[in-house]
Protein backbone atom coordinates (compact mmCIF):
# COMPACT_ATOMS: atom_id res chain seq x y z
CA MET A 1 105.88 92.57 113.51
CA ASN A 2 108.68 90.50 112.31
CA LYS A 3 109.67 86.72 113.23
CA LYS A 4 112.30 88.12 116.06
CA GLU A 5 109.33 90.83 117.29
CA LEU A 6 106.90 88.37 117.89
CA ALA A 7 109.42 85.96 119.37
CA GLU A 8 110.50 88.68 121.99
CA ALA A 9 106.66 89.24 122.75
CA MET A 10 106.28 85.30 123.42
CA ALA A 11 108.80 85.58 125.70
CA GLU A 12 107.80 88.56 127.71
CA ALA A 13 104.39 87.54 128.04
CA ALA A 14 105.08 83.82 128.72
CA ASN A 15 107.84 84.67 130.92
CA ILE A 16 110.73 82.46 129.64
CA SER A 17 114.19 83.09 127.21
CA GLN A 18 113.90 84.58 123.92
CA LYS A 19 116.21 81.49 122.57
CA ASP A 20 113.10 79.38 123.92
CA ALA A 21 110.31 81.22 122.73
CA ALA A 22 112.41 81.84 119.03
CA LYS A 23 112.78 77.69 119.27
CA ALA A 24 108.82 77.20 120.13
CA LEU A 25 107.62 80.00 117.32
CA ASP A 26 109.86 77.99 115.35
CA GLY A 27 107.80 74.51 116.04
CA MET A 28 104.50 75.89 115.48
CA ILE A 29 105.40 77.13 112.15
CA ALA A 30 107.13 73.51 111.43
CA ALA A 31 104.18 71.88 112.57
CA VAL A 32 101.78 74.18 110.74
CA THR A 33 103.38 73.36 107.55
CA LYS A 34 103.73 69.87 107.83
CA ALA A 35 100.18 69.74 108.92
CA LEU A 36 99.09 71.63 105.88
CA GLN A 37 101.43 69.09 104.11
CA ASP A 38 99.95 66.18 104.66
CA GLY A 39 96.20 67.73 103.88
CA ASP A 40 95.47 68.62 107.14
CA SER A 41 94.02 71.83 108.92
CA VAL A 42 94.97 73.63 111.85
CA SER A 43 92.42 75.55 113.95
CA ILE A 44 93.22 77.29 117.37
CA VAL A 45 90.04 78.40 119.08
CA GLY A 46 90.12 82.09 119.40
CA PHE A 47 92.42 82.66 116.68
CA GLY A 48 91.83 81.11 113.46
CA SER A 49 92.12 78.35 111.21
CA PHE A 50 94.88 77.52 108.78
CA VAL A 51 93.70 75.58 105.34
CA VAL A 52 94.73 74.73 102.23
CA ARG A 53 92.44 76.24 99.36
CA ASP A 54 92.42 74.41 95.85
CA ARG A 55 93.04 76.91 93.08
CA ALA A 56 91.11 75.73 89.73
CA ALA A 57 93.29 75.69 86.72
CA ARG A 58 92.15 79.46 84.41
CA THR A 59 92.67 81.15 81.57
CA GLY A 60 95.40 84.36 82.35
CA ARG A 61 96.48 86.77 79.86
CA ASN A 62 100.60 87.79 80.03
CA PRO A 63 100.77 91.42 80.70
CA LYS A 64 103.96 92.18 78.83
CA THR A 65 102.28 90.51 75.83
CA GLY A 66 98.52 89.90 75.93
CA GLU A 67 99.23 86.66 74.75
CA THR A 68 96.82 84.41 76.38
CA ILE A 69 98.16 81.56 78.79
CA GLN A 70 97.03 78.82 80.36
CA ILE A 71 97.20 78.74 84.67
CA LYS A 72 97.73 75.29 85.83
CA ALA A 73 95.70 74.23 89.29
CA SER A 74 97.18 75.21 92.38
CA LYS A 75 97.06 74.85 96.01
CA SER A 76 97.50 77.52 98.52
CA PRO A 77 97.74 77.90 102.08
CA ALA A 78 95.16 80.54 103.91
CA PHE A 79 94.21 81.66 107.07
CA LYS A 80 90.45 82.41 108.52
CA ALA A 81 90.55 84.51 111.45
CA GLY A 82 88.16 83.24 113.95
CA LYS A 83 85.52 85.39 115.80
CA ALA A 84 87.70 86.48 118.70
CA LEU A 85 90.52 87.66 116.75
CA LYS A 86 88.26 89.86 114.42
CA ASP A 87 86.44 91.40 117.61
CA ALA A 88 89.72 92.39 118.79
CA VAL A 89 90.85 94.27 115.78
CA ASN A 90 87.80 95.95 115.18
């Protein structure tokens, strides 16, 4: 399912126009992105949590040359599914 299909499903489920559903989806994505940029996490009960995880600096290897390289520490967004979502999928 892509973003357009998700907006269509939201519109049908909420009995609203596809345009309004697309705006709502864009707003939700923007809000989650802003919260993660600010260092917050976003928890949706019954669905899951969006968090930022720290990745430590590490030594890697260039697969082309075999040369050892240093990989910088970074931050990465992550999603952890909630119990209700896990149960629904199984």
